[in-house]
Amino acid sequence: MTLPITLSVNHTLHQLDIEPCVTLLEVLRERLHLTGTKEGCGTGDCGACIVLIDGEPVNSCLLLAADADGRQITTVEGLATSAALHPLQQSFLDHHAMQCGFCAPSMLVSSKALLDANAAPSTTDIKQALSGILCRCGSYKKIIAAVEAAAARRSAP
């Protein structure tokens, strides 16, 4: 048995027939070939699979794709435009905040959600927003600096 669903991913509508037990992560990676979102633990503990659903960070490994039907999904692939990187992506590059790149997609989309909700977050706010994401390389200080710099650029006149 399959279910018809419509996902709006990075502002593109996708009509799919899926099995009821398929996770959003599986659909993104296997059906839509958006491989920026990573599979780490499969239990929601590492945060590698975080995407934005209606602007809020969600572990896509824990969400059934059917539960995302009709909702707006943003993955790391949806941050940049064809002309330029998203300011957060540029800040991560400028601050050497990425090493292996495994946590970077989740760090970026979670940081975007934070800055959309709070244009001038404190260091504590940033740490809290990113607390569910495991950086295997230990780049937390550089990641926090990159988010702080992006926030400062965003609020500068």
C-alpha atoms as a PDB file:
ATOM      1  CA  MET A   1       0.000   0.000   0.000  1.00  0.00           C
ATOM      2  CA  THR A   2       1.259   3.491  -0.808  1.00  0.00           C
ATOM      3  CA  LEU A   3       0.115   6.959   0.148  1.00  0.00           C
ATOM      4  CA  PRO A   4       0.041   9.933  -2.211  1.00  0.00           C
ATOM      5  CA  ILE A   5       1.753  12.958  -0.670  1.00  0.00           C
ATOM      6  CA  THR A   6       2.872  16.371  -1.832  1.00  0.00           C
ATOM      7  CA  LEU A   7       6.065  17.796  -0.379  1.00  0.00           C
ATOM      8  CA  SER A   8       7.220  21.349  -0.932  1.00  0.00           C
ATOM      9  CA  VAL A   9      10.991  21.014  -0.728  1.00  0.00           C
ATOM     10  CA  ASN A  10      13.110  24.109  -1.288  1.00  0.00           C
ATOM     11  CA  HIS A  11      10.097  25.780  -2.962  1.00  0.00           C
ATOM     12  CA  THR A  12       9.572  22.925  -5.429  1.00  0.00           C
ATOM     13  CA  LEU A  13       6.483  20.719  -5.247  1.00  0.00           C
ATOM     14  CA  HIS A  14       7.007  16.966  -5.403  1.00  0.00           C
ATOM     15  CA  GLN A  15       4.083  14.565  -5.735  1.00  0.00           C
ATOM     16  CA  LEU A  16       5.089  11.136  -4.507  1.00  0.00           C
ATOM     17  CA  ASP A  17       3.588   7.786  -3.679  1.00  0.00           C
ATOM     18  CA  ILE A  18       5.269   6.448  -0.567  1.00  0.00           C
ATOM     19  CA  GLU A  19       4.923   3.571   1.836  1.00  0.00           C
ATOM     20  CA  PRO A  20       3.511   4.677   5.221  1.00  0.00           C
ATOM     21  CA  CYS A  21       6.680   3.697   7.142  1.00  0.00           C
ATOM     22  CA  VAL A  22       9.131   5.766   5.055  1.00  0.00           C
ATOM     23  CA  THR A  23      10.886   8.614   6.862  1.00  0.00           C
ATOM     24  CA  LEU A  24      11.312  12.090   5.477  1.00  0.00           C
ATOM     25  CA  LEU A  25      15.080  11.529   5.494  1.00  0.00           C
ATOM     26  CA  GLU A  26      14.687   8.504   3.220  1.00  0.00           C
ATOM     27  CA  VAL A  27      12.495  10.444   0.799  1.00  0.00           C
ATOM     28  CA  LEU A  28      14.892  13.399   0.685  1.00  0.00           C
ATOM     29  CA  ARG A  29      17.998  11.287   0.105  1.00  0.00           C
ATOM     30  CA  GLU A  30      16.700   8.328  -1.898  1.00  0.00           C
ATOM     31  CA  ARG A  31      13.730   9.668  -3.844  1.00  0.00           C
ATOM     32  CA  LEU A  32      14.627  13.347  -4.309  1.00  0.00           C
ATOM     33  CA  HIS A  33      18.430  12.869  -4.329  1.00  0.00           C
ATOM     34  CA  LEU A  34      18.978  15.744  -1.881  1.00  0.00           C
ATOM     35  CA  THR A  35      21.955  14.212  -0.131  1.00  0.00           C
ATOM     36  CA  GLY A  36      23.074  17.267   1.841  1.00  0.00           C
ATOM     37  CA  THR A  37      20.930  16.046   4.718  1.00  0.00           C
ATOM     38  CA  LYS A  38      22.930  13.284   6.390  1.00  0.00           C
ATOM     39  CA  GLU A  39      21.936  10.085   8.121  1.00  0.00           C
ATOM     40  CA  GLY A  40      23.894   9.651  11.311  1.00  0.00           C
ATOM     41  CA  CYS A  41      22.247   7.621  14.017  1.00  0.00           C
ATOM     42  CA  GLY A  42      18.693   7.055  12.822  1.00  0.00           C
ATOM     43  CA  THR A  43      17.430   7.747  16.349  1.00  0.00           C
ATOM     44  CA  GLY A  44      17.438  11.556  16.509  1.00  0.00           C
ATOM     45  CA  ASP A  45      20.444  11.703  18.815  1.00  0.00           C
ATOM     46  CA  CYS A  46      23.114  13.208  16.538  1.00  0.00           C
ATOM     47  CA  GLY A  47      21.153  15.876  14.640  1.00  0.00           C
ATOM     48  CA  ALA A  48      22.826  15.174  11.283  1.00  0.00           C
ATOM     49  CA  CYS A  49      19.426  14.853   9.616  1.00  0.00           C
ATOM     50  CA  ILE A  50      17.925  18.181  10.677  1.00  0.00           C
ATOM     51  CA  VAL A  51      15.887  20.057   8.087  1.00  0.00           C
ATOM     52  CA  LEU A  52      13.469  22.937   8.486  1.00  0.00           C
ATOM     53  CA  ILE A  53       9.763  22.182   8.418  1.00  0.00           C
ATOM     54  CA  ASP A  54       7.729  25.357   8.207  1.00  0.00           C
ATOM     55  CA  GLY A  55      10.869  27.157   9.434  1.00  0.00           C
ATOM     56  CA  GLU A  56      11.454  24.943  12.491  1.00  0.00           C
ATOM     57  CA  PRO A  57      14.355  22.475  12.885  1.00  0.00           C
ATOM     58  CA  VAL A  58      13.180  18.835  12.825  1.00  0.00           C
ATOM     59  CA  ASN A  59      15.061  15.528  12.861  1.00  0.00           C
ATOM     60  CA  SER A  60      14.030  14.094   9.500  1.00  0.00           C
ATOM     61  CA  CYS A  61      15.042  10.572  10.551  1.00  0.00           C
ATOM     62  CA  LEU A  62      12.242  10.605  13.140  1.00  0.00           C
ATOM     63  CA  LEU A  63       9.486  12.107  10.989  1.00  0.00           C
ATOM     64  CA  LEU A  64       7.418   9.965   8.682  1.00  0.00           C
ATOM     65  CA  ALA A  65       7.291  11.501   5.219  1.00  0.00           C
ATOM     66  CA  ALA A  66       3.491  11.295   5.310  1.00  0.00           C
ATOM     67  CA  ASP A  67       3.525  13.654   8.304  1.00  0.00           C
ATOM     68  CA  ALA A  68       5.303  16.255   6.165  1.00  0.00           C
ATOM     69  CA  ASP A  69       2.567  16.200   3.526  1.00  0.00           C
ATOM     70  CA  GLY A  70       1.697  19.754   2.495  1.00  0.00           C
ATOM     71  CA  ARG A  71       4.368  21.369   4.642  1.00  0.00           C
ATOM     72  CA  GLN A  72       7.288  23.594   3.578  1.00  0.00           C
ATOM     73  CA  ILE A  73      10.633  21.775   3.873  1.00  0.00           C
ATOM     74  CA  THR A  74      14.005  23.486   3.590  1.00  0.00           C
ATOM     75  CA  THR A  75      17.221  21.521   3.228  1.00  0.00           C
ATOM     76  CA  VAL A  76      20.751  22.846   2.977  1.00  0.00           C
ATOM     77  CA  GLU A  77      20.395  22.719  -0.810  1.00  0.00           C
ATOM     78  CA  GLY A  78      17.652  25.337  -0.506  1.00  0.00           C
ATOM     79  CA  LEU A  79      19.789  27.966   1.220  1.00  0.00           C
ATOM     80  CA  ALA A  80      21.958  29.185  -1.662  1.00  0.00           C
ATOM     81  CA  THR A  81      20.683  30.740  -4.847  1.00  0.00           C
ATOM     82  CA  SER A  82      22.179  30.115  -8.248  1.00  0.00           C
ATOM     83  CA  ALA A  83      23.951  33.462  -7.907  1.00  0.00           C
ATOM     84  CA  ALA A  84      25.353  33.288  -4.377  1.00  0.00           C
ATOM     85  CA  LEU A  85      25.802  31.347  -1.203  1.00  0.00           C
ATOM     86  CA  HIS A  86      23.467  32.098   1.674  1.00  0.00           C
ATOM     87  CA  PRO A  87      25.188  34.543   4.085  1.00  0.00           C
ATOM     88  CA  LEU A  88      25.436  31.771   6.696  1.00  0.00           C
ATOM     89  CA  GLN A  89      27.157  29.474   4.209  1.00  0.00           C
ATOM     90  CA  GLN A  90      29.616  32.239   3.355  1.00  0.00           C
ATOM     91  CA  SER A  91      30.259  32.928   7.027  1.00  0.00           C
ATOM     92  CA  PHE A  92      30.928  29.220   7.670  1.00  0.00           C
ATOM     93  CA  LEU A  93      33.501  29.318   4.863  1.00  0.00           C
ATOM     94  CA  ASP A  94      35.040  32.577   6.081  1.00  0.00           C
ATOM     95  CA  HIS A  95      35.435  31.183   9.623  1.00  0.00           C
ATOM     96  CA  HIS A  96      36.599  27.712   8.568  1.00  0.00           C
ATOM     97  CA  ALA A  97      33.643  26.303  10.479  1.00  0.00           C
ATOM     98  CA  MET A  98      33.404  23.129   8.417  1.00  0.00           C
ATOM     99  CA  GLN A  99      35.848  20.285   8.461  1.00  0.00           C
ATOM    100  CA  CYS A 100      34.281  16.982   7.427  1.00  0.00           C
ATOM    101  CA  GLY A 101      30.960  18.543   6.415  1.00  0.00           C
ATOM    102  CA  PHE A 102      28.843  15.896   8.115  1.00  0.00           C
ATOM    103  CA  CYS A 103      27.150  18.223  10.622  1.00  0.00           C
ATOM    104  CA  ALA A 104      27.392  21.354   8.471  1.00  0.00           C
ATOM    105  CA  PRO A 105      24.016  21.002   6.706  1.00  0.00           C
ATOM    106  CA  SER A 106      22.192  20.678  10.026  1.00  0.00           C
ATOM    107  CA  MET A 107      24.242  23.452  11.627  1.00  0.00           C
ATOM    108  CA  LEU A 108      23.410  25.740   8.702  1.00  0.00           C
ATOM    109  CA  VAL A 109      19.656  25.139   8.589  1.00  0.00           C
ATOM    110  CA  SER A 110      19.374  25.280  12.392  1.00  0.00           C
ATOM    111  CA  SER A 111      21.342  28.552  12.400  1.00  0.00           C
ATOM    112  CA  LYS A 112      19.043  29.937   9.725  1.00  0.00           C
ATOM    113  CA  ALA A 113      16.010  29.114  11.864  1.00  0.00           C
ATOM    114  CA  LEU A 114      17.664  30.819  14.834  1.00  0.00           C
ATOM    115  CA  LEU A 115      18.538  33.993  12.910  1.00  0.00           C
ATOM    116  CA  ASP A 116      15.064  34.121  11.350  1.00  0.00           C
ATOM    117  CA  ALA A 117      13.585  34.098  14.867  1.00  0.00           C
ATOM    118  CA  ASN A 118      16.272  36.176  16.609  1.00  0.00           C
ATOM    119  CA  ALA A 119      18.327  38.622  14.549  1.00  0.00           C
ATOM    120  CA  ALA A 120      20.786  39.254  17.390  1.00  0.00           C
ATOM    121  CA  PRO A 121      21.258  35.998  19.299  1.00  0.00           C
ATOM    122  CA  SER A 122      23.622  35.745  22.230  1.00  0.00           C
ATOM    123  CA  THR A 123      26.324  33.088  22.328  1.00  0.00           C
ATOM    124  CA  THR A 124      24.094  31.181  24.734  1.00  0.00           C
ATOM    125  CA  ASP A 125      21.196  31.394  22.258  1.00  0.00           C
ATOM    126  CA  ILE A 126      23.417  29.983  19.507  1.00  0.00           C
ATOM    127  CA  LYS A 127      24.685  27.174  21.701  1.00  0.00           C
ATOM    128  CA  GLN A 128      21.116  26.299  22.678  1.00  0.00           C
ATOM    129  CA  ALA A 129      19.905  26.320  19.060  1.00  0.00           C
ATOM    130  CA  LEU A 130      22.737  24.013  17.980  1.00  0.00           C
ATOM    131  CA  SER A 131      22.826  21.843  21.100  1.00  0.00           C
ATOM    132  CA  GLY A 132      21.138  18.866  19.442  1.00  0.00           C
ATOM    133  CA  ILE A 133      23.772  18.545  16.724  1.00  0.00           C
ATOM    134  CA  LEU A 134      26.903  16.488  17.245  1.00  0.00           C
ATOM    135  CA  CYS A 135      29.996  17.869  15.516  1.00  0.00           C
ATOM    136  CA  ARG A 136      32.330  14.932  15.182  1.00  0.00           C
ATOM    137  CA  CYS A 137      35.280  17.220  14.407  1.00  0.00           C
ATOM    138  CA  GLY A 138      34.788  19.463  17.436  1.00  0.00           C
ATOM    139  CA  SER A 139      34.432  22.668  15.403  1.00  0.00           C
ATOM    140  CA  TYR A 140      31.921  24.198  17.797  1.00  0.00           C
ATOM    141  CA  LYS A 141      33.917  27.383  18.501  1.00  0.00           C
ATOM    142  CA  LYS A 142      34.324  28.157  14.799  1.00  0.00           C
ATOM    143  CA  ILE A 143      30.684  27.337  14.103  1.00  0.00           C
ATOM    144  CA  ILE A 144      29.524  29.672  16.879  1.00  0.00           C
ATOM    145  CA  ALA A 145      31.848  32.406  15.577  1.00  0.00           C
ATOM    146  CA  ALA A 146      30.438  31.964  12.073  1.00  0.00           C
ATOM    147  CA  VAL A 147      26.855  32.312  13.299  1.00  0.00           C
ATOM    148  CA  GLU A 148      27.765  35.357  15.405  1.00  0.00           C
ATOM    149  CA  ALA A 149      29.437  36.975  12.384  1.00  0.00           C
ATOM    150  CA  ALA A 150      26.461  36.249  10.138  1.00  0.00           C
ATOM    151  CA  ALA A 151      24.128  37.757  12.732  1.00  0.00           C
ATOM    152  CA  ALA A 152      26.339  40.843  13.046  1.00  0.00           C
ATOM    153  CA  ARG A 153      26.442  41.288   9.261  1.00  0.00           C
ATOM    154  CA  ARG A 154      22.699  40.872   9.073  1.00  0.00           C
ATOM    155  CA  SER A 155      22.003  43.522  11.713  1.00  0.00           C
ATOM    156  CA  ALA A 156      24.631  45.981  10.437  1.00  0.00           C
ATOM    157  CA  PRO A 157      23.204  49.074   8.730  1.00  0.00           C
END
